[in-house]
Amino acid sequence: MSNNLPGPDKFSKKKKQLLILAIIFDAIGMLTYLIPGWAEIFDLIWAPIAGLANMIMFGGWTGILGGLGTFAEELLPITDFIPSFLIMWFVKFVILAKRTKNELNQDNIGQQNQIDSSKK
């Protein structure tokens, strides 16, 4: 009999992995200020990449809203200092922690069902 509940290890691991990625992606977005004159050109390239990355990283409606917000933040001038990935990480793993644990639980149940059906 297997336990389908996500252990604190899976939640903590996912939380830590996405925190590291969020810091890296926010740093990339803020680095544009180091290259005078190129910041807005880089932002035109980075905005869709960052928006898509945010959607994929955080998933669901939070990922969609975060992706759209990140896309807009990167396109608007003088907003690169806003840590949009970290804000979404905070929303996902602090404000919506219970919901995130439930989502991980659903993933575990789905994976277990696939394993069980492949054994038959």
Protein backbone atom coordinates (compact mmCIF):
# COMPACT_ATOMS: atom_id res chain seq x y z
CA MET A 1 0.00 0.00 0.00
CA SER A 2 1.51 3.30 -1.06
CA ASN A 3 0.93 6.70 0.45
CA ASN A 4 -0.39 9.09 -2.21
CA LEU A 5 0.06 12.21 -0.10
CA PRO A 6 2.95 14.44 -1.08
CA GLY A 7 5.47 14.24 1.68
CA PRO A 8 6.98 17.37 3.10
CA ASP A 9 10.11 16.40 1.19
CA LYS A 10 8.44 16.73 -2.24
CA PHE A 11 6.82 20.06 -1.34
CA SER A 12 10.06 21.39 0.17
CA LYS A 13 12.12 20.18 -2.78
CA LYS A 14 9.80 21.81 -5.33
CA LYS A 15 9.66 24.97 -3.22
CA LYS A 16 13.46 25.18 -3.05
CA GLN A 17 13.99 24.39 -6.75
CA LEU A 18 11.55 27.06 -7.89
CA LEU A 19 12.99 29.61 -5.45
CA ILE A 20 16.43 29.16 -6.98
CA LEU A 21 15.01 29.45 -10.51
CA ALA A 22 12.97 32.51 -9.52
CA ILE A 23 16.08 34.26 -8.20
CA ILE A 24 18.03 33.42 -11.36
CA PHE A 25 15.27 34.59 -13.73
CA ASP A 26 14.68 37.81 -11.78
CA ALA A 27 18.43 38.47 -11.83
CA ILE A 28 18.51 37.99 -15.61
CA GLY A 29 15.66 40.48 -15.99
CA MET A 30 17.46 43.02 -13.79
CA LEU A 31 20.82 42.59 -15.54
CA THR A 32 19.63 44.66 -18.48
CA TYR A 33 20.43 47.79 -16.53
CA LEU A 34 24.13 46.89 -16.73
CA ILE A 35 24.22 47.44 -20.49
CA PRO A 36 23.29 51.07 -21.20
CA GLY A 37 21.30 51.53 -24.38
CA TRP A 38 20.57 47.84 -24.80
CA ALA A 39 18.16 47.43 -21.90
CA GLU A 40 14.93 48.00 -23.82
CA ILE A 41 16.04 45.91 -26.81
CA PHE A 42 16.95 43.03 -24.50
CA ASP A 43 13.60 43.43 -22.72
CA LEU A 44 11.76 42.95 -26.04
CA ILE A 45 13.50 39.59 -26.38
CA TRP A 46 13.36 38.64 -22.70
CA ALA A 47 9.69 39.54 -22.05
CA PRO A 48 8.08 36.60 -23.92
CA ILE A 49 10.73 34.18 -22.64
CA ALA A 50 10.19 35.32 -19.04
CA GLY A 51 6.40 35.25 -19.39
CA LEU A 52 6.44 31.71 -20.78
CA ALA A 53 8.94 30.55 -18.14
CA ASN A 54 6.71 31.94 -15.39
CA MET A 55 3.67 30.13 -16.82
CA ILE A 56 5.55 26.83 -17.01
CA MET A 57 7.20 27.15 -13.60
CA PHE A 58 4.11 27.98 -11.60
CA GLY A 59 1.34 26.40 -13.70
CA GLY A 60 -2.40 26.77 -13.37
CA TRP A 61 -4.13 30.11 -13.09
CA THR A 62 -1.31 31.49 -10.93
CA GLY A 63 1.16 30.68 -13.68
CA ILE A 64 -1.02 32.29 -16.34
CA LEU A 65 -1.51 35.47 -14.31
CA GLY A 66 2.14 35.49 -13.31
CA GLY A 67 3.25 34.95 -16.90
CA LEU A 68 1.11 37.82 -18.16
CA GLY A 69 2.31 40.05 -15.33
CA THR A 70 5.94 39.16 -15.95
CA PHE A 71 5.54 39.76 -19.68
CA ALA A 72 4.07 43.23 -19.03
CA GLU A 73 6.66 44.04 -16.37
CA GLU A 74 9.53 43.24 -18.71
CA LEU A 75 8.05 45.30 -21.56
CA LEU A 76 7.28 48.40 -19.50
CA PRO A 77 10.22 50.76 -19.05
CA ILE A 78 11.76 51.21 -15.60
CA THR A 79 10.00 48.18 -14.09
CA ASP A 80 12.85 45.66 -14.29
CA PHE A 81 13.51 46.07 -10.57
CA ILE A 82 10.21 44.32 -9.74
CA PRO A 83 10.99 40.69 -8.79
CA SER A 84 8.01 39.17 -10.58
CA PHE A 85 9.25 35.57 -10.33
CA LEU A 86 9.83 35.91 -6.59
CA ILE A 87 6.40 37.45 -6.15
CA MET A 88 4.83 34.47 -7.92
CA TRP A 89 6.93 32.06 -5.85
CA PHE A 90 5.63 33.77 -2.70
CA VAL A 91 2.04 33.54 -3.93
CA LYS A 92 2.39 29.86 -4.88
CA PHE A 93 4.34 28.56 -1.88
CA VAL A 94 3.35 30.88 0.96
CA ILE A 95 -0.08 32.38 0.29
CA LEU A 96 -1.42 29.33 -1.62
CA ALA A 97 0.70 26.69 0.13
CA LYS A 98 -2.26 24.43 0.93
CA ARG A 99 -3.51 24.55 -2.65
CA THR A 100 0.00 23.83 -3.96
CA LYS A 101 0.29 20.79 -1.69
CA ASN A 102 -3.06 19.56 -3.03
CA GLU A 103 -1.84 20.03 -6.62
CA LEU A 104 1.26 17.97 -5.83
CA ASN A 105 -1.02 15.35 -4.25
CA GLN A 106 -3.08 15.15 -7.47
CA ASP A 107 0.13 14.70 -9.46
CA ASN A 108 1.16 11.84 -7.16
CA ILE A 109 -2.23 10.13 -7.51
CA GLY A 110 -2.11 10.44 -11.30
CA GLN A 111 1.40 9.03 -11.46
CA GLN A 112 0.49 6.16 -9.15
CA ASN A 113 -2.58 5.32 -11.28
CA GLN A 114 -0.40 5.24 -14.42
CA ILE A 115 2.05 2.90 -12.70
CA ASP A 116 -0.76 0.66 -11.45
CA SER A 117 -2.44 0.46 -14.88
CA SER A 118 0.85 -0.35 -16.62
CA LYS A 119 1.37 -3.32 -14.27
CA LYS A 120 -1.93 -4.92 -15.36
